Amino acid sequence: ERQRMAGEAPPAIDFAARLRAAAPMAVIAEIKRASPSKGDIAPDMNAPRQAMKYARGGAAAISVLTEPTWFRGAL
């Protein structure tokens, strides 16, 4: 199922080019529900909705932490 979904995804964006295009300052936004040092940050966050907010706010890239134990993430 994941392979099928990946095949239907839009083409990848060149990461380095995206950062250069946002010069002189590019913001990489981060989505995580928790952290090892702080514990829960936003346990009920809707990650796709938050990503859209970051994109509309001008983020050049978005980092999504999917590690389940420490960051409470998931694919």
Protein backbone atom coordinates (compact mmCIF):
# COMPACT_ATOMS: atom_id res chain seq x y z
CA GLU A 1 0.00 0.00 0.00
CA ARG A 2 2.83 2.42 0.84
CA GLN A 3 4.57 1.68 -2.45
CA ARG A 4 1.36 2.40 -4.32
CA MET A 5 0.92 5.66 -2.44
CA ALA A 6 4.54 6.65 -3.13
CA GLY A 7 3.99 6.01 -6.82
CA GLU A 8 1.03 8.39 -6.79
CA ALA A 9 2.90 11.18 -4.97
CA PRO A 10 3.90 14.35 -6.80
CA PRO A 11 7.52 14.57 -7.96
CA ALA A 12 10.15 15.30 -5.32
CA ILE A 13 11.32 18.88 -4.89
CA ASP A 14 15.06 19.59 -5.02
CA PHE A 15 15.85 20.31 -1.36
CA ALA A 16 19.02 22.38 -1.91
CA ALA A 17 17.39 24.41 -4.68
CA ARG A 18 14.40 25.11 -2.45
CA LEU A 19 16.66 26.44 0.31
CA ARG A 20 18.63 28.60 -2.16
CA ALA A 21 15.41 30.00 -3.60
CA ALA A 22 14.39 31.21 -0.13
CA ALA A 23 17.63 33.17 0.32
CA PRO A 24 18.74 35.10 2.25
CA MET A 25 16.98 33.06 4.93
CA ALA A 26 15.17 29.75 4.57
CA VAL A 27 13.02 28.33 7.36
CA ILE A 28 12.76 24.57 7.86
CA ALA A 29 9.67 23.92 9.98
CA GLU A 30 9.45 20.80 12.13
CA ILE A 31 6.50 18.61 13.00
CA LYS A 32 6.83 16.48 16.13
CA ARG A 33 4.36 15.45 18.77
CA ALA A 34 6.95 14.91 21.52
CA SER A 35 10.68 15.08 22.21
CA PRO A 36 13.04 13.07 24.43
CA SER A 37 13.87 16.12 26.56
CA LYS A 38 10.44 17.82 26.80
CA GLY A 39 8.04 14.87 26.61
CA ASP A 40 4.67 15.54 24.99
CA ILE A 41 4.56 18.77 22.99
CA ALA A 42 1.46 18.41 20.81
CA PRO A 43 0.21 14.83 21.21
CA ASP A 44 -3.06 15.41 19.33
CA MET A 45 -1.63 17.50 16.49
CA ASN A 46 -2.98 16.81 13.00
CA ALA A 47 0.34 16.57 11.11
CA PRO A 48 -1.03 17.14 7.56
CA ARG A 49 -3.00 20.20 8.71
CA GLN A 50 0.06 21.58 10.52
CA ALA A 51 2.24 20.99 7.45
CA MET A 52 -0.20 23.02 5.34
CA LYS A 53 -0.03 25.86 7.86
CA TYR A 54 3.76 25.84 7.69
CA ALA A 55 3.73 25.74 3.88
CA ARG A 56 1.26 28.63 3.67
CA GLY A 57 3.41 30.52 6.18
CA GLY A 58 6.40 30.33 3.86
CA ALA A 59 8.45 27.40 5.17
CA ALA A 60 11.05 26.37 2.59
CA ALA A 61 10.96 22.78 3.88
CA ILE A 62 9.15 20.74 6.51
CA SER A 63 10.77 18.08 8.68
CA VAL A 64 8.35 15.43 9.94
CA LEU A 65 9.60 13.20 12.77
CA THR A 66 8.02 9.76 12.43
CA GLU A 67 9.97 7.89 15.11
CA PRO A 68 7.30 6.38 17.42
CA THR A 69 9.00 5.97 20.82
CA TRP A 70 10.61 9.34 21.52
CA PHE A 71 8.76 11.60 19.08
CA ARG A 72 5.32 9.87 19.07
CA GLY A 73 5.39 9.86 15.27
CA ALA A 74 4.07 7.49 12.64
CA LEU A 75 4.10 7.23 8.90
